[in-house]
Amino acid sequence: MLLMLSPYVSAKQSFEGVITYKIELESRNEKLPIEVLRKIYGKELKVFYKYGYTKHVYIGGDGEWEVYDSAENKQYLKMRGNPEMKF
């Protein structure tokens, strides 16, 4: 239902909130084991939306968090175990 209504939402409106996704993986390539995919993507993703910012928090994977600033059109990425932030 949401997909059918989304084209009619005014561009001035902004969604604010959190969406949690459960990640279920399936490898279609025997050279890419499911364990490798789990290490990369984890088991859950929480997406936070607020005032033109989007923050993705990865649970159980290599990615720790990712932030997108729509006003600046910039993306910031933090990988687990890496103290530096990437642009």
C-alpha atoms as a PDB file:
ATOM      1  CA  MET A   1       0.000   0.000   0.000  1.00  0.00           C
ATOM      2  CA  LEU A   2       2.815   2.404   0.834  1.00  0.00           C
ATOM      3  CA  LEU A   3       4.378   1.977  -2.600  1.00  0.00           C
ATOM      4  CA  MET A   4       1.117   2.825  -4.299  1.00  0.00           C
ATOM      5  CA  LEU A   5       0.707   6.029  -2.286  1.00  0.00           C
ATOM      6  CA  SER A   6       4.310   7.265  -2.313  1.00  0.00           C
ATOM      7  CA  PRO A   7       4.156   9.053  -5.723  1.00  0.00           C
ATOM      8  CA  TYR A   8       1.377  11.277  -4.384  1.00  0.00           C
ATOM      9  CA  VAL A   9       3.326  12.529  -1.359  1.00  0.00           C
ATOM     10  CA  SER A  10       4.351  16.150  -1.681  1.00  0.00           C
ATOM     11  CA  ALA A  11       8.072  16.793  -2.108  1.00  0.00           C
ATOM     12  CA  LYS A  12       7.913  19.253   0.803  1.00  0.00           C
ATOM     13  CA  GLN A  13       6.933  16.517   3.242  1.00  0.00           C
ATOM     14  CA  SER A  14       9.608  14.432   4.907  1.00  0.00           C
ATOM     15  CA  PHE A  15       9.347  11.103   6.650  1.00  0.00           C
ATOM     16  CA  GLU A  16      10.853  11.061  10.118  1.00  0.00           C
ATOM     17  CA  GLY A  17      11.335   7.795  11.959  1.00  0.00           C
ATOM     18  CA  VAL A  18      13.040   4.409  12.064  1.00  0.00           C
ATOM     19  CA  ILE A  19      12.607   1.349   9.868  1.00  0.00           C
ATOM     20  CA  THR A  20      14.154  -1.966  10.923  1.00  0.00           C
ATOM     21  CA  TYR A  21      14.946  -4.600   8.314  1.00  0.00           C
ATOM     22  CA  LYS A  22      15.750  -8.240   9.039  1.00  0.00           C
ATOM     23  CA  ILE A  23      18.374  -9.403   6.555  1.00  0.00           C
ATOM     24  CA  GLU A  24      17.918 -12.878   5.129  1.00  0.00           C
ATOM     25  CA  LEU A  25      20.556 -13.961   2.659  1.00  0.00           C
ATOM     26  CA  GLU A  26      20.776 -16.569  -0.057  1.00  0.00           C
ATOM     27  CA  SER A  27      23.852 -17.186  -2.147  1.00  0.00           C
ATOM     28  CA  ARG A  28      23.220 -17.998  -5.793  1.00  0.00           C
ATOM     29  CA  ASN A  29      26.895 -18.484  -6.490  1.00  0.00           C
ATOM     30  CA  GLU A  30      28.701 -21.470  -4.972  1.00  0.00           C
ATOM     31  CA  LYS A  31      31.948 -19.457  -5.034  1.00  0.00           C
ATOM     32  CA  LEU A  32      30.369 -16.957  -2.648  1.00  0.00           C
ATOM     33  CA  PRO A  33      29.479 -18.807   0.561  1.00  0.00           C
ATOM     34  CA  ILE A  34      26.593 -17.603   2.702  1.00  0.00           C
ATOM     35  CA  GLU A  35      29.041 -17.055   5.600  1.00  0.00           C
ATOM     36  CA  VAL A  36      30.867 -14.389   3.578  1.00  0.00           C
ATOM     37  CA  LEU A  37      27.587 -12.611   2.828  1.00  0.00           C
ATOM     38  CA  ARG A  38      26.597 -12.729   6.513  1.00  0.00           C
ATOM     39  CA  LYS A  39      29.939 -11.197   7.486  1.00  0.00           C
ATOM     40  CA  ILE A  40      29.410  -8.352   5.034  1.00  0.00           C
ATOM     41  CA  TYR A  41      25.706  -7.586   5.536  1.00  0.00           C
ATOM     42  CA  GLY A  42      24.989  -8.848   9.056  1.00  0.00           C
ATOM     43  CA  LYS A  43      21.564  -9.878  10.299  1.00  0.00           C
ATOM     44  CA  GLU A  44      19.701  -6.587  10.711  1.00  0.00           C
ATOM     45  CA  LEU A  45      19.659  -3.025   9.400  1.00  0.00           C
ATOM     46  CA  LYS A  46      18.085  -0.028  11.127  1.00  0.00           C
ATOM     47  CA  VAL A  47      17.454   3.038   8.984  1.00  0.00           C
ATOM     48  CA  PHE A  48      16.847   6.382  10.709  1.00  0.00           C
ATOM     49  CA  TYR A  49      15.267   9.253   8.734  1.00  0.00           C
ATOM     50  CA  LYS A  50      15.237  12.862   9.924  1.00  0.00           C
ATOM     51  CA  TYR A  51      15.377  16.273   8.186  1.00  0.00           C
ATOM     52  CA  GLY A  52      17.194  15.182   5.033  1.00  0.00           C
ATOM     53  CA  TYR A  53      19.573  12.853   6.831  1.00  0.00           C
ATOM     54  CA  THR A  54      19.549   9.088   6.562  1.00  0.00           C
ATOM     55  CA  LYS A  55      21.542   6.903   8.945  1.00  0.00           C
ATOM     56  CA  HIS A  56      21.985   3.163   8.414  1.00  0.00           C
ATOM     57  CA  VAL A  57      23.106   1.103  11.414  1.00  0.00           C
ATOM     58  CA  TYR A  58      24.245  -2.413  10.579  1.00  0.00           C
ATOM     59  CA  ILE A  59      23.900  -5.127  13.202  1.00  0.00           C
ATOM     60  CA  GLY A  60      26.176  -8.128  12.895  1.00  0.00           C
ATOM     61  CA  GLY A  61      28.070  -7.158   9.737  1.00  0.00           C
ATOM     62  CA  ASP A  62      31.294  -5.387   8.792  1.00  0.00           C
ATOM     63  CA  GLY A  63      29.555  -2.069   8.310  1.00  0.00           C
ATOM     64  CA  GLU A  64      29.004  -0.146  11.542  1.00  0.00           C
ATOM     65  CA  TRP A  65      27.070   2.855  10.259  1.00  0.00           C
ATOM     66  CA  GLU A  66      26.508   5.027   7.215  1.00  0.00           C
ATOM     67  CA  VAL A  67      25.097   8.574   7.090  1.00  0.00           C
ATOM     68  CA  TYR A  68      23.785  10.440   4.042  1.00  0.00           C
ATOM     69  CA  ASP A  69      23.326  14.222   4.122  1.00  0.00           C
ATOM     70  CA  SER A  70      20.957  15.158   1.281  1.00  0.00           C
ATOM     71  CA  ALA A  71      21.638  18.914   1.574  1.00  0.00           C
ATOM     72  CA  GLU A  72      25.363  18.396   0.969  1.00  0.00           C
ATOM     73  CA  ASN A  73      24.899  15.229  -1.133  1.00  0.00           C
ATOM     74  CA  LYS A  74      27.586  13.524   0.957  1.00  0.00           C
ATOM     75  CA  GLN A  75      27.820  10.039   2.370  1.00  0.00           C
ATOM     76  CA  TYR A  76      29.876   9.048   5.413  1.00  0.00           C
ATOM     77  CA  LEU A  77      30.754   5.427   6.127  1.00  0.00           C
ATOM     78  CA  LYS A  78      32.204   3.758   9.245  1.00  0.00           C
ATOM     79  CA  MET A  79      33.348   0.146   9.051  1.00  0.00           C
ATOM     80  CA  ARG A  80      33.582  -2.014  12.176  1.00  0.00           C
ATOM     81  CA  GLY A  81      37.132  -2.215  13.521  1.00  0.00           C
ATOM     82  CA  ASN A  82      38.304   0.763  11.456  1.00  0.00           C
ATOM     83  CA  PRO A  83      38.712   3.992  13.466  1.00  0.00           C
ATOM     84  CA  GLU A  84      38.600   6.184  10.347  1.00  0.00           C
ATOM     85  CA  MET A  85      35.506   7.474   8.627  1.00  0.00           C
ATOM     86  CA  LYS A  86      35.343   7.261   4.803  1.00  0.00           C
ATOM     87  CA  PHE A  87      33.766   9.812   2.473  1.00  0.00           C
END
